[in-house]
Each structure stands twice: as structure tokens, then as C-alpha cells.
């Protein structure tokens, strides 16, 4: 009887161990699954947090990039503006040095002829610098009349005006009655050339120099 009880106890213990083993294995599988899901959830949350953190950084990077591009554009514009302004300044200095010279007298005649040929009427007045009016006087008017006649066969009357200009060089040409005025001063011509140069080299952008030009 004792042997039978002992065998029964062993059988019960073995069955219990088998059940316990199955429970342990199932528990381990479930624990592994829970761990894997937890890891995946943690990874997803980490990526979400990182993405949320990266978004403002990316926006800031894009804003900074756009700002840098704008600053580069403005810098190029300022450099071009300074370059052309330097050229204009040098041109004004060289033209001012011509004032009163024979070379300047020939230039004044040529500028006057160009203006008269583009204007209507027969009578014109030449507005010169005071010193040049006194030096050249009516002789210059005769030279302009002759040059117009030779170049266009027009008969015109040209006289030197009483009024003068303080321009560093060149002259003003006024038609009869004062209705037509051609600004052939060096400053006037440089101003028109300046606008053309701004367009040709791409300075027809909003002015950032602070000069208003």
C-alpha cells in the first residue's frame, strides 16, 4: 500500500511539474511578446518625439537659408551699386577737368548739334558756363550753326543765352519760346546713362544703398 501511495505521489508530482513547465513556457512567451510590443511602442514614441523636435529645427533652417539668400542678393546689389557709383564719380571728375579746354569746346559743339537736330524750330539759345560763355561767345554759336547746316542741311539761328549754368561741363539748348529744353550738361547725360547702366547690370532692384538713387 505504501508503494502504491508513493507511485501515485510521484505521478502527481510529475504531472504538476509538466503543468508548471507549460505555464512557465506560456508565461515566457507572453512576457516576450509584451516586451517586444513595449520596445516597439517605445521606439515609435522615440521617433515621434524626435520628429516633433526636428520639425522646428527644420523650419528654422529653412528660414535661415532664405535669410542668407536674401542677404547675398542684397550684398551683390550693394556691390554693383558701389561699382557703378565709383565709375560715375570718376567720370564726373574727368569731365570736370575738361572744362574750358579746346577738347571741351569741341564736345560742347557736338552736344549742341545733337540736341538741335532732335528739336524743332529754327532759333536756339545755348546756355553755357559763365567762363566759357565769356571765352567762346558768339564764335561758338557760329560753329554750331555751321555744323547743323553741314550735317542736316537745316538753316538755324543760334545765339548764346544771357543765363548761365553751374554744371561742371556741357550745356543746355533751349528752343524758341523756351518750350523745348535739351539738357546736354555732363551731369544730365551721366544721369541718363546711369539709369541705363543700372538696368544693364541688373540694378533695377529696390535700392538698398540708402541714397535713394
N, C-alpha and C. Protein backbone atom coordinates (compact mmCIF):
# COMPACT_ATOMS: atom_id res chain seq x y z
N UNK A 1 0.84 -1.20 0.00
CA UNK A 1 0.00 0.00 0.00
C UNK A 1 0.87 1.24 0.00
N UNK A 2 1.93 1.19 0.70
CA UNK A 2 2.87 2.32 0.77
C UNK A 2 3.49 2.57 -0.58
N UNK A 3 3.79 1.44 -1.29
CA UNK A 3 4.39 1.59 -2.62
C UNK A 3 3.43 2.25 -3.57
N UNK A 4 2.16 1.87 -3.50
CA UNK A 4 1.16 2.46 -4.38
C UNK A 4 1.00 3.97 -4.11
N UNK A 5 1.00 4.32 -2.85
CA UNK A 5 0.87 5.74 -2.48
C UNK A 5 2.07 6.53 -2.99
N UNK A 6 3.25 5.89 -2.87
CA UNK A 6 4.46 6.56 -3.31
C UNK A 6 4.43 6.79 -4.82
N UNK A 7 3.97 5.74 -5.56
CA UNK A 7 3.89 5.88 -7.01
C UNK A 7 2.89 6.95 -7.42
N UNK A 8 1.75 6.98 -6.68
CA UNK A 8 0.72 7.97 -7.00
C UNK A 8 1.24 9.39 -6.75
N UNK A 9 1.96 9.51 -5.64
CA UNK A 9 2.52 10.84 -5.32
C UNK A 9 3.49 11.30 -6.39
N UNK A 10 4.33 10.38 -6.84
CA UNK A 10 5.32 10.72 -7.88
C UNK A 10 4.63 11.11 -9.19
N UNK A 11 3.54 10.34 -9.48
CA UNK A 11 2.81 10.66 -10.72
C UNK A 11 2.17 12.05 -10.63
N UNK A 12 1.63 12.34 -9.46
CA UNK A 12 1.01 13.66 -9.26
C UNK A 12 2.07 14.76 -9.37
N UNK A 13 3.25 14.48 -8.76
CA UNK A 13 4.32 15.48 -8.79
C UNK A 13 4.81 15.70 -10.24
N UNK A 14 4.93 14.61 -10.98
CA UNK A 14 5.39 14.72 -12.38
C UNK A 14 4.38 15.52 -13.21
N UNK A 15 3.11 15.20 -12.98
CA UNK A 15 2.07 15.94 -13.71
C UNK A 15 2.11 17.42 -13.34
N UNK A 16 2.33 17.68 -12.05
CA UNK A 16 2.39 19.07 -11.60
C UNK A 16 3.58 19.79 -12.24
N UNK A 17 4.72 19.05 -12.32
CA UNK A 17 5.89 19.68 -12.94
C UNK A 17 5.63 19.97 -14.42
N UNK A 18 4.95 19.04 -15.11
CA UNK A 18 4.64 19.27 -16.53
C UNK A 18 3.74 20.50 -16.69
N UNK A 19 2.72 20.55 -15.82
CA UNK A 19 1.82 21.72 -15.88
C UNK A 19 2.58 23.03 -15.58
N UNK A 20 3.42 22.95 -14.58
CA UNK A 20 4.20 24.13 -14.21
C UNK A 20 5.13 24.54 -15.35
N UNK A 21 5.68 23.53 -16.04
CA UNK A 21 6.59 23.82 -17.15
C UNK A 21 5.83 24.52 -18.30
N UNK A 22 4.61 23.96 -18.58
CA UNK A 22 3.81 24.56 -19.64
C UNK A 22 3.42 26.01 -19.28
N UNK A 23 3.07 26.21 -18.02
CA UNK A 23 2.70 27.56 -17.56
C UNK A 23 3.90 28.50 -17.68
N UNK A 24 5.07 27.98 -17.29
CA UNK A 24 6.28 28.81 -17.38
C UNK A 24 6.58 29.19 -18.82
N UNK A 25 6.48 28.22 -19.74
CA UNK A 25 6.76 28.48 -21.15
C UNK A 25 5.77 29.52 -21.73
N UNK A 26 4.47 29.30 -21.34
CA UNK A 26 3.47 30.25 -21.83
C UNK A 26 3.74 31.64 -21.26
N UNK A 27 4.12 31.67 -20.00
CA UNK A 27 4.41 32.96 -19.37
C UNK A 27 5.62 33.63 -20.05
N UNK A 28 6.62 32.82 -20.38
CA UNK A 28 7.80 33.37 -21.04
C UNK A 28 7.44 33.92 -22.42
N UNK A 29 6.58 33.19 -23.16
CA UNK A 29 6.16 33.68 -24.48
C UNK A 29 5.40 34.99 -24.36
N UNK A 30 4.47 35.00 -23.39
CA UNK A 30 3.68 36.21 -23.21
C UNK A 30 4.57 37.38 -22.75
N UNK A 31 5.51 37.07 -21.89
CA UNK A 31 6.42 38.11 -21.43
C UNK A 31 7.26 38.64 -22.59
N UNK A 32 7.72 37.72 -23.46
CA UNK A 32 8.50 38.15 -24.64
C UNK A 32 7.68 39.02 -25.57
N UNK A 33 6.41 38.62 -25.76
CA UNK A 33 5.54 39.39 -26.63
C UNK A 33 5.29 40.78 -26.06
N UNK A 34 5.03 40.81 -24.74
CA UNK A 34 4.80 42.10 -24.08
C UNK A 34 6.05 42.98 -24.18
N UNK A 35 7.21 42.34 -23.99
CA UNK A 35 8.46 43.10 -24.08
C UNK A 35 8.67 43.66 -25.48
N UNK A 36 8.41 42.82 -26.50
CA UNK A 36 8.57 43.26 -27.89
C UNK A 36 7.63 44.41 -28.21
N UNK A 37 6.37 44.28 -27.77
CA UNK A 37 5.40 45.34 -28.02
C UNK A 37 5.80 46.63 -27.30
N UNK A 38 6.30 46.45 -26.07
CA UNK A 38 6.74 47.62 -25.31
C UNK A 38 7.92 48.30 -26.00
N UNK A 39 8.85 47.49 -26.51
CA UNK A 39 10.00 48.06 -27.21
C UNK A 39 9.58 48.80 -28.48
N UNK A 40 8.64 48.17 -29.23
CA UNK A 40 8.14 48.82 -30.44
C UNK A 40 7.43 50.13 -30.11
N UNK A 41 6.62 50.10 -29.06
CA UNK A 41 5.91 51.30 -28.64
C UNK A 41 6.89 52.39 -28.22
N UNK A 42 7.93 51.96 -27.48
CA UNK A 42 8.93 52.92 -27.05
C UNK A 42 9.67 53.51 -28.25
N UNK A 43 9.98 52.67 -29.26
CA UNK A 43 10.66 53.14 -30.46
C UNK A 43 9.79 54.13 -31.24
N UNK A 44 8.50 53.76 -31.35
CA UNK A 44 7.57 54.65 -32.04
C UNK A 44 7.47 56.00 -31.34
N UNK A 45 7.40 55.94 -30.01
CA UNK A 45 7.31 57.17 -29.24
C UNK A 45 8.59 57.99 -29.37
N UNK A 46 9.74 57.29 -29.38
CA UNK A 46 11.02 57.98 -29.54
C UNK A 46 11.08 58.70 -30.89
N UNK A 47 10.64 57.98 -31.93
CA UNK A 47 10.65 58.58 -33.27
C UNK A 47 9.68 59.76 -33.36
N UNK A 48 8.53 59.61 -32.70
CA UNK A 48 7.57 60.70 -32.71
C UNK A 48 8.15 61.93 -32.02
N UNK A 49 8.79 61.71 -30.87
CA UNK A 49 9.39 62.81 -30.13
C UNK A 49 10.51 63.46 -30.94
N UNK A 50 11.34 62.61 -31.58
CA UNK A 50 12.44 63.14 -32.39
C UNK A 50 11.91 63.94 -33.58
N UNK A 51 10.87 63.41 -34.22
CA UNK A 51 10.28 64.11 -35.37
C UNK A 51 9.70 65.45 -34.93
N UNK A 52 9.03 65.43 -33.77
CA UNK A 52 8.47 66.68 -33.25
C UNK A 52 9.57 67.68 -32.93
N UNK A 53 10.72 67.17 -32.48
CA UNK A 53 11.84 68.04 -32.16
C UNK A 53 12.53 68.54 -33.42
N UNK A 54 12.56 67.67 -34.47
CA UNK A 54 13.23 68.05 -35.71
C UNK A 54 12.44 69.09 -36.50
N UNK A 55 11.12 69.07 -36.39
CA UNK A 55 10.27 69.95 -37.20
C UNK A 55 10.63 71.42 -37.02
N UNK A 56 10.68 71.95 -35.79
CA UNK A 56 11.04 73.37 -35.65
C UNK A 56 12.47 73.66 -36.08
N UNK A 57 13.35 72.67 -35.86
CA UNK A 57 14.74 72.85 -36.30
C UNK A 57 14.80 72.99 -37.82
N UNK A 58 14.03 72.14 -38.52
CA UNK A 58 13.99 72.20 -39.98
C UNK A 58 13.40 73.53 -40.46
N UNK A 59 12.33 73.97 -39.77
CA UNK A 59 11.74 75.25 -40.15
C UNK A 59 12.74 76.39 -39.94
N UNK A 60 13.44 76.35 -38.81
CA UNK A 60 14.43 77.38 -38.53
C UNK A 60 15.56 77.36 -39.56
N UNK A 61 15.95 76.14 -39.99
CA UNK A 61 16.98 76.01 -41.00
C UNK A 61 16.52 76.62 -42.33
N UNK A 62 15.27 76.36 -42.69
CA UNK A 62 14.74 76.91 -43.94
C UNK A 62 14.65 78.43 -43.88
N UNK A 63 14.21 78.96 -42.73
CA UNK A 63 14.13 80.41 -42.57
C UNK A 63 15.52 81.02 -42.66
N UNK A 64 16.50 80.40 -42.00
CA UNK A 64 17.86 80.90 -42.02
C UNK A 64 18.44 80.86 -43.43
N UNK A 65 18.15 79.78 -44.16
CA UNK A 65 18.65 79.65 -45.53
C UNK A 65 18.06 80.76 -46.41
N UNK A 66 16.77 81.00 -46.26
CA UNK A 66 16.11 82.05 -47.04
C UNK A 66 16.70 83.42 -46.70
N UNK A 67 16.98 83.64 -45.41
CA UNK A 67 17.54 84.92 -44.97
C UNK A 67 18.93 85.11 -45.56
N UNK A 68 19.73 84.04 -45.56
CA UNK A 68 21.09 84.12 -46.12
C UNK A 68 21.03 84.43 -47.61
N UNK A 69 20.12 83.77 -48.33
CA UNK A 69 19.98 84.03 -49.76
C UNK A 69 19.62 85.49 -50.00
N UNK A 70 18.70 86.03 -49.19
CA UNK A 70 18.30 87.43 -49.35
C UNK A 70 19.47 88.36 -49.07
N UNK A 71 20.26 88.04 -48.04
CA UNK A 71 21.41 88.88 -47.71
C UNK A 71 22.44 88.84 -48.83
N UNK A 72 22.61 87.67 -49.46
CA UNK A 72 23.55 87.56 -50.58
C UNK A 72 23.08 88.43 -51.74
N UNK A 73 21.78 88.36 -52.04
CA UNK A 73 21.22 89.18 -53.12
C UNK A 73 21.45 90.66 -52.84
N UNK A 74 21.17 91.09 -51.60
CA UNK A 74 21.33 92.49 -51.24
C UNK A 74 22.80 92.91 -51.28
N UNK A 75 23.70 92.00 -50.87
CA UNK A 75 25.12 92.31 -50.90
C UNK A 75 25.60 92.50 -52.33
N UNK A 76 25.17 91.59 -53.22
CA UNK A 76 25.54 91.73 -54.63
C UNK A 76 25.02 93.06 -55.19
N UNK A 77 23.79 93.40 -54.82
CA UNK A 77 23.20 94.64 -55.32
C UNK A 77 24.00 95.85 -54.83
N UNK A 78 24.38 95.84 -53.54
CA UNK A 78 25.15 96.96 -53.00
C UNK A 78 26.51 97.07 -53.69
N UNK A 79 27.15 95.93 -53.92
CA UNK A 79 28.46 95.95 -54.57
C UNK A 79 28.35 96.49 -56.00
N UNK A 80 27.30 96.06 -56.72
CA UNK A 80 27.11 96.58 -58.07
C UNK A 80 26.83 98.07 -58.04
N UNK A 81 26.00 98.48 -57.09
CA UNK A 81 25.69 99.91 -56.95
C UNK A 81 26.96 100.70 -56.68
N UNK A 82 27.79 100.22 -55.76
CA UNK A 82 29.03 100.92 -55.42
C UNK A 82 29.97 100.97 -56.62
N UNK A 83 30.00 99.87 -57.38
CA UNK A 83 30.88 99.81 -58.55
C UNK A 83 30.49 100.87 -59.57
N UNK A 84 29.20 100.94 -59.91
CA UNK A 84 28.74 101.91 -60.90
C UNK A 84 28.86 103.32 -60.36
N UNK A 85 28.58 103.51 -59.08
CA UNK A 85 28.71 104.84 -58.49
C UNK A 85 30.17 105.30 -58.55
N UNK A 86 31.09 104.38 -58.34
CA UNK A 86 32.52 104.70 -58.43
C UNK A 86 32.88 105.12 -59.85
N UNK A 87 32.36 104.37 -60.82
CA UNK A 87 32.62 104.71 -62.23
C UNK A 87 32.05 106.08 -62.55
N UNK A 88 30.83 106.36 -62.08
CA UNK A 88 30.21 107.66 -62.34
C UNK A 88 31.02 108.78 -61.70
N UNK A 89 31.49 108.55 -60.47
CA UNK A 89 32.27 109.58 -59.79
C UNK A 89 33.56 109.88 -60.54
N UNK A 90 34.23 108.84 -61.02
CA UNK A 90 35.45 109.04 -61.79
C UNK A 90 35.17 109.77 -63.09
N UNK A 91 34.05 109.42 -63.73
CA UNK A 91 33.69 110.07 -64.99
C UNK A 91 33.44 111.56 -64.76
N UNK A 92 32.74 111.90 -63.67
CA UNK A 92 32.46 113.31 -63.38
C UNK A 92 33.76 114.08 -63.16
N UNK A 93 34.71 113.45 -62.46
CA UNK A 93 35.98 114.12 -62.20
C UNK A 93 36.74 114.38 -63.50
N UNK A 94 36.77 113.37 -64.36
CA UNK A 94 37.49 113.53 -65.62
C UNK A 94 36.82 114.56 -66.52
N UNK A 95 35.47 114.54 -66.55
CA UNK A 95 34.76 115.51 -67.38
C UNK A 95 34.95 116.93 -66.85
N UNK A 96 34.97 117.08 -65.51
CA UNK A 96 35.17 118.40 -64.91
C UNK A 96 36.54 118.95 -65.27
N UNK A 97 37.53 118.07 -65.43
CA UNK A 97 38.88 118.51 -65.79
C UNK A 97 38.94 119.06 -67.21
N UNK A 98 37.95 118.69 -68.03
CA UNK A 98 37.92 119.16 -69.42
C UNK A 98 37.38 120.57 -69.56
N UNK A 99 36.71 121.05 -68.53
CA UNK A 99 36.05 122.36 -68.61
C UNK A 99 37.03 123.44 -69.06
N UNK A 100 36.61 124.21 -70.07
CA UNK A 100 37.42 125.33 -70.55
C UNK A 100 38.48 124.94 -71.56
N UNK A 101 38.69 123.65 -71.80
CA UNK A 101 39.71 123.21 -72.75
C UNK A 101 39.16 123.19 -74.16
N UNK A 102 40.07 123.09 -75.14
CA UNK A 102 39.66 123.01 -76.53
C UNK A 102 38.87 121.73 -76.78
N UNK A 103 39.26 120.68 -76.11
CA UNK A 103 38.53 119.41 -76.24
C UNK A 103 37.09 119.56 -75.76
N UNK A 104 36.93 120.31 -74.68
CA UNK A 104 35.58 120.55 -74.16
C UNK A 104 34.77 121.41 -75.13
N UNK A 105 35.41 122.40 -75.75
CA UNK A 105 34.69 123.24 -76.72
C UNK A 105 34.16 122.37 -77.86
N UNK A 106 34.97 121.45 -78.36
CA UNK A 106 34.51 120.58 -79.45
C UNK A 106 33.36 119.69 -78.97
N UNK A 107 33.46 119.23 -77.71
CA UNK A 107 32.39 118.40 -77.17
C UNK A 107 31.10 119.19 -77.04
N UNK A 108 31.20 120.46 -76.63
CA UNK A 108 30.02 121.31 -76.49
C UNK A 108 29.35 121.52 -77.84
N UNK A 109 30.15 121.77 -78.87
CA UNK A 109 29.59 121.94 -80.21
C UNK A 109 28.85 120.67 -80.65
N UNK A 110 29.48 119.54 -80.44
CA UNK A 110 28.86 118.28 -80.84
C UNK A 110 27.56 118.03 -80.09
N UNK A 111 27.56 118.29 -78.77
CA UNK A 111 26.34 118.10 -77.96
C UNK A 111 25.24 119.04 -78.40
N UNK A 112 25.60 120.28 -78.72
CA UNK A 112 24.60 121.24 -79.16
C UNK A 112 23.98 120.81 -80.48
N UNK A 113 24.81 120.32 -81.39
CA UNK A 113 24.31 119.87 -82.70
C UNK A 113 23.36 118.68 -82.53
N UNK A 114 23.75 117.74 -81.70
CA UNK A 114 22.89 116.58 -81.46
C UNK A 114 21.53 117.01 -80.92
N UNK A 115 21.53 117.96 -80.01
CA UNK A 115 20.28 118.43 -79.42
C UNK A 115 19.42 119.13 -80.46
N UNK A 116 20.02 120.04 -81.22
CA UNK A 116 19.26 120.82 -82.21
C UNK A 116 18.67 119.91 -83.28
N UNK A 117 19.41 118.92 -83.71
CA UNK A 117 18.91 118.02 -84.75
C UNK A 117 17.69 117.23 -84.27
N UNK A 118 17.59 117.05 -82.95
CA UNK A 118 16.44 116.32 -82.40
C UNK A 118 15.29 117.25 -82.02
N UNK A 119 15.49 118.56 -82.15
CA UNK A 119 14.48 119.53 -81.74
C UNK A 119 13.86 120.18 -82.99
N UNK A 120 12.71 120.79 -82.79
CA UNK A 120 12.04 121.50 -83.88
C UNK A 120 12.35 123.00 -83.81
N UNK A 121 11.93 123.74 -84.82
CA UNK A 121 12.14 125.18 -84.81
C UNK A 121 13.44 125.58 -85.47
N UNK A 122 13.66 126.91 -85.53
CA UNK A 122 14.85 127.43 -86.21
C UNK A 122 15.76 128.21 -85.26
N UNK A 123 15.22 128.69 -84.16
CA UNK A 123 16.01 129.54 -83.28
C UNK A 123 16.31 128.80 -81.97
N UNK A 124 17.57 128.93 -81.55
CA UNK A 124 18.01 128.21 -80.36
C UNK A 124 18.97 129.07 -79.55
N UNK A 125 18.94 128.89 -78.26
CA UNK A 125 19.86 129.57 -77.36
C UNK A 125 20.71 128.52 -76.64
N UNK A 126 21.98 128.81 -76.51
CA UNK A 126 22.92 127.90 -75.84
C UNK A 126 23.24 128.47 -74.47
N UNK A 127 22.99 127.70 -73.44
CA UNK A 127 23.28 128.11 -72.06
C UNK A 127 24.59 127.46 -71.64
N UNK A 128 25.61 128.29 -71.42
CA UNK A 128 26.95 127.79 -71.11
C UNK A 128 27.36 128.14 -69.68
N UNK A 129 28.50 127.62 -69.28
CA UNK A 129 29.12 128.06 -68.03
C UNK A 129 29.57 129.52 -68.19
N UNK A 130 29.57 130.30 -67.12
CA UNK A 130 29.95 131.73 -67.26
C UNK A 130 31.31 131.93 -67.91
N UNK A 131 32.32 131.19 -67.48
CA UNK A 131 33.66 131.38 -68.04
C UNK A 131 33.72 131.00 -69.51
N UNK A 132 32.99 129.97 -69.90
CA UNK A 132 33.01 129.52 -71.29
C UNK A 132 32.19 130.45 -72.17
N UNK A 133 31.12 131.00 -71.62
CA UNK A 133 30.35 131.99 -72.38
C UNK A 133 31.23 133.19 -72.69
N UNK A 134 31.99 133.65 -71.69
CA UNK A 134 32.86 134.80 -71.90
C UNK A 134 34.00 134.47 -72.85
N UNK A 135 34.51 133.25 -72.79
CA UNK A 135 35.67 132.88 -73.60
C UNK A 135 35.28 132.60 -75.05
N UNK A 136 34.16 131.88 -75.25
CA UNK A 136 33.82 131.44 -76.60
C UNK A 136 32.78 132.34 -77.27
N UNK A 137 31.81 132.81 -76.51
CA UNK A 137 30.82 133.74 -77.00
C UNK A 137 30.17 133.35 -78.31
N UNK A 138 30.00 134.37 -79.18
CA UNK A 138 29.28 134.18 -80.43
C UNK A 138 30.02 133.25 -81.39
N UNK A 139 31.34 133.11 -81.22
CA UNK A 139 32.11 132.21 -82.08
C UNK A 139 31.56 130.78 -81.98
N UNK A 140 31.19 130.38 -80.76
CA UNK A 140 30.65 129.04 -80.58
C UNK A 140 29.29 128.91 -81.26
N UNK A 141 28.48 129.94 -81.18
CA UNK A 141 27.17 129.90 -81.83
C UNK A 141 27.31 129.72 -83.33
N UNK A 142 28.28 130.42 -83.94
CA UNK A 142 28.53 130.30 -85.38
C UNK A 142 28.97 128.88 -85.72
N UNK A 143 29.83 128.31 -84.90
CA UNK A 143 30.31 126.96 -85.15
C UNK A 143 29.16 125.95 -85.09
N UNK A 144 28.25 126.12 -84.16
CA UNK A 144 27.11 125.22 -84.04
C UNK A 144 26.20 125.36 -85.25
N UNK A 145 25.91 126.60 -85.67
CA UNK A 145 25.07 126.82 -86.85
C UNK A 145 25.66 126.12 -88.06
N UNK A 146 26.95 126.30 -88.26
CA UNK A 146 27.63 125.71 -89.42
C UNK A 146 27.58 124.19 -89.38
N UNK A 147 27.81 123.62 -88.19
CA UNK A 147 27.81 122.16 -88.06
C UNK A 147 26.42 121.59 -88.32
N UNK A 148 25.37 122.26 -87.85
CA UNK A 148 23.99 121.79 -88.10
C UNK A 148 23.70 121.83 -89.59
N UNK A 149 24.11 122.92 -90.25
CA UNK A 149 23.86 123.05 -91.69
C UNK A 149 24.59 121.96 -92.47
N UNK A 150 25.82 121.65 -92.07
CA UNK A 150 26.60 120.64 -92.78
C UNK A 150 26.04 119.23 -92.57
N UNK A 151 25.54 118.97 -91.38
CA UNK A 151 25.11 117.61 -91.06
C UNK A 151 23.66 117.33 -91.41
N UNK A 152 22.83 118.36 -91.48
CA UNK A 152 21.40 118.11 -91.72
C UNK A 152 20.77 119.04 -92.76
N UNK A 153 21.58 119.96 -93.31
CA UNK A 153 21.09 120.92 -94.30
C UNK A 153 20.01 121.85 -93.72
N UNK A 154 19.91 121.93 -92.41
CA UNK A 154 18.95 122.85 -91.77
C UNK A 154 19.59 124.21 -91.57
N UNK A 155 18.81 125.23 -91.83
CA UNK A 155 19.24 126.60 -91.56
C UNK A 155 18.67 127.01 -90.20
N UNK A 156 19.54 127.20 -89.24
CA UNK A 156 19.09 127.56 -87.90
C UNK A 156 19.81 128.81 -87.43
N UNK A 157 19.20 129.48 -86.47
CA UNK A 157 19.81 130.65 -85.84
C UNK A 157 20.16 130.28 -84.40
N UNK A 158 21.41 130.44 -84.06
CA UNK A 158 21.88 130.06 -82.73
C UNK A 158 22.52 131.27 -82.06
N UNK A 159 22.20 131.50 -80.83
CA UNK A 159 22.80 132.59 -80.06
C UNK A 159 23.17 132.09 -78.67
N UNK A 160 24.05 132.81 -78.02
CA UNK A 160 24.47 132.47 -76.67
C UNK A 160 23.53 133.15 -75.68
N UNK A 161 22.95 132.37 -74.76
CA UNK A 161 21.98 132.91 -73.80
C UNK A 161 22.68 133.76 -72.74
N UNK A 162 21.93 134.72 -72.20
CA UNK A 162 22.45 135.53 -71.12
C UNK A 162 22.59 134.71 -69.83
N UNK A 163 21.63 133.84 -69.61
CA UNK A 163 21.71 133.00 -68.41
C UNK A 163 22.83 131.98 -68.56
N UNK A 164 23.30 131.48 -67.45
CA UNK A 164 24.41 130.51 -67.46
C UNK A 164 24.03 129.29 -66.63
N UNK A 165 24.87 128.28 -66.72
CA UNK A 165 24.67 127.06 -65.92
C UNK A 165 25.89 126.84 -65.04
N UNK A 166 25.67 126.25 -63.88
CA UNK A 166 26.78 125.94 -62.99
C UNK A 166 27.20 124.48 -63.11
N UNK A 167 26.74 123.80 -64.18
CA UNK A 167 27.13 122.40 -64.40
C UNK A 167 28.63 122.31 -64.63
N UNK A 168 29.26 121.21 -64.23
CA UNK A 168 30.71 121.08 -64.41
C UNK A 168 31.13 121.01 -65.88
N UNK A 169 30.18 120.80 -66.77
CA UNK A 169 30.52 120.73 -68.19
C UNK A 169 29.27 120.54 -69.01
N UNK A 170 29.42 120.71 -70.36
CA UNK A 170 28.27 120.57 -71.23
C UNK A 170 27.48 121.86 -71.31
N UNK A 171 26.23 121.78 -71.74
CA UNK A 171 25.41 122.97 -71.92
C UNK A 171 23.94 122.61 -71.93
N UNK A 172 23.08 123.62 -71.93
CA UNK A 172 21.65 123.47 -72.14
C UNK A 172 21.32 124.12 -73.48
N UNK A 173 20.44 123.47 -74.23
CA UNK A 173 19.98 124.02 -75.50
C UNK A 173 18.49 124.32 -75.37
N UNK A 174 18.11 125.58 -75.61
CA UNK A 174 16.72 126.00 -75.44
C UNK A 174 16.16 126.41 -76.79
N UNK A 175 15.00 125.85 -77.14
CA UNK A 175 14.36 126.20 -78.39
C UNK A 175 13.62 127.52 -78.28
N UNK A 176 13.13 127.99 -79.42
CA UNK A 176 12.41 129.27 -79.45
C UNK A 176 11.21 129.23 -78.51
N UNK A 177 11.04 130.28 -77.73
CA UNK A 177 9.92 130.34 -76.80
C UNK A 177 10.15 129.57 -75.53
N UNK A 178 11.26 128.85 -75.44
CA UNK A 178 11.58 128.09 -74.24
C UNK A 178 10.76 126.84 -74.02
N UNK A 179 10.02 126.41 -75.05
CA UNK A 179 9.17 125.23 -74.88
C UNK A 179 9.96 123.92 -74.94
N UNK A 180 11.10 123.95 -75.63
CA UNK A 180 11.95 122.77 -75.72
C UNK A 180 13.27 123.07 -75.04
N UNK A 181 13.67 122.18 -74.17
CA UNK A 181 14.95 122.32 -73.48
C UNK A 181 15.67 120.97 -73.52
N UNK A 182 16.89 120.97 -74.03
CA UNK A 182 17.69 119.74 -74.07
C UNK A 182 18.82 119.88 -73.05
N UNK A 183 18.82 119.00 -72.08
CA UNK A 183 19.87 119.03 -71.06
C UNK A 183 21.06 118.23 -71.58
N UNK A 184 22.05 118.94 -72.08
CA UNK A 184 23.27 118.31 -72.58
C UNK A 184 24.45 118.58 -71.65
N UNK A 185 24.13 118.90 -70.39
CA UNK A 185 25.20 119.03 -69.41
C UNK A 185 25.75 117.64 -69.10
N UNK A 186 26.98 117.61 -68.64
CA UNK A 186 27.58 116.32 -68.33
C UNK A 186 26.81 115.60 -67.23
N UNK A 187 26.35 116.38 -66.25
CA UNK A 187 25.57 115.76 -65.17
C UNK A 187 24.28 115.17 -65.71
N UNK A 188 23.62 115.90 -66.60
CA UNK A 188 22.37 115.40 -67.17
C UNK A 188 22.59 114.14 -67.99
N UNK A 189 23.62 114.16 -68.81
CA UNK A 189 23.89 112.98 -69.65
C UNK A 189 24.34 111.79 -68.80
N UNK A 190 25.14 112.06 -67.76
CA UNK A 190 25.55 110.98 -66.86
C UNK A 190 24.35 110.40 -66.12
N UNK A 191 23.42 111.28 -65.76
CA UNK A 191 22.21 110.79 -65.07
C UNK A 191 21.43 109.84 -65.94
N UNK A 192 21.28 110.18 -67.21
CA UNK A 192 20.55 109.28 -68.13
C UNK A 192 21.34 108.01 -68.37
N UNK A 193 22.66 108.15 -68.51
CA UNK A 193 23.50 106.96 -68.70
C UNK A 193 23.47 106.08 -67.47
N UNK A 194 23.42 106.70 -66.29
CA UNK A 194 23.37 105.97 -65.01
C UNK A 194 22.16 105.06 -64.97
N UNK A 195 20.99 105.58 -65.34
CA UNK A 195 19.77 104.77 -65.34
C UNK A 195 19.91 103.59 -66.29
N UNK A 196 20.50 103.83 -67.45
CA UNK A 196 20.69 102.76 -68.43
C UNK A 196 21.66 101.70 -67.89
N UNK A 197 22.73 102.14 -67.26
CA UNK A 197 23.72 101.22 -66.71
C UNK A 197 23.12 100.39 -65.58
N UNK A 198 22.27 101.00 -64.76
CA UNK A 198 21.62 100.26 -63.67
C UNK A 198 20.81 99.09 -64.23
N UNK A 199 20.11 99.33 -65.32
CA UNK A 199 19.28 98.28 -65.92
C UNK A 199 20.16 97.20 -66.53
N UNK A 200 21.21 97.63 -67.25
CA UNK A 200 22.05 96.66 -67.96
C UNK A 200 22.79 95.72 -67.02
N UNK A 201 23.19 96.20 -65.85
CA UNK A 201 23.93 95.32 -64.94
C UNK A 201 23.06 94.77 -63.83
N UNK A 202 21.74 94.95 -63.96
CA UNK A 202 20.83 94.32 -63.00
C UNK A 202 20.59 95.10 -61.74
N UNK A 203 20.75 96.43 -61.80
CA UNK A 203 20.49 97.24 -60.61
C UNK A 203 19.08 97.79 -60.58
N UNK A 204 18.21 97.28 -61.45
CA UNK A 204 16.81 97.72 -61.42
C UNK A 204 16.06 96.96 -60.35
N UNK A 205 16.69 96.87 -59.17
CA UNK A 205 16.11 96.23 -57.99
C UNK A 205 15.82 97.33 -56.98
N UNK A 206 15.04 97.03 -55.93
CA UNK A 206 14.83 98.04 -54.90
C UNK A 206 16.16 98.53 -54.36
N UNK A 207 16.33 99.85 -54.27
CA UNK A 207 17.59 100.42 -53.83
C UNK A 207 17.80 100.15 -52.35
N UNK A 208 18.97 99.56 -52.00
CA UNK A 208 19.26 99.25 -50.60
C UNK A 208 20.46 100.07 -50.11
N UNK A 209 20.88 101.04 -50.92
CA UNK A 209 22.06 101.81 -50.55
C UNK A 209 21.76 102.92 -49.57
N UNK A 210 20.47 103.30 -49.49
CA UNK A 210 20.10 104.40 -48.61
C UNK A 210 20.29 105.75 -49.26
N UNK A 211 20.72 105.78 -50.56
CA UNK A 211 20.92 107.06 -51.24
C UNK A 211 19.69 107.51 -51.97
N UNK A 212 18.74 106.56 -52.20
CA UNK A 212 17.52 106.90 -52.92
C UNK A 212 17.72 106.96 -54.40
N UNK A 213 18.93 106.61 -54.90
CA UNK A 213 19.17 106.66 -56.33
C UNK A 213 18.79 105.35 -56.97
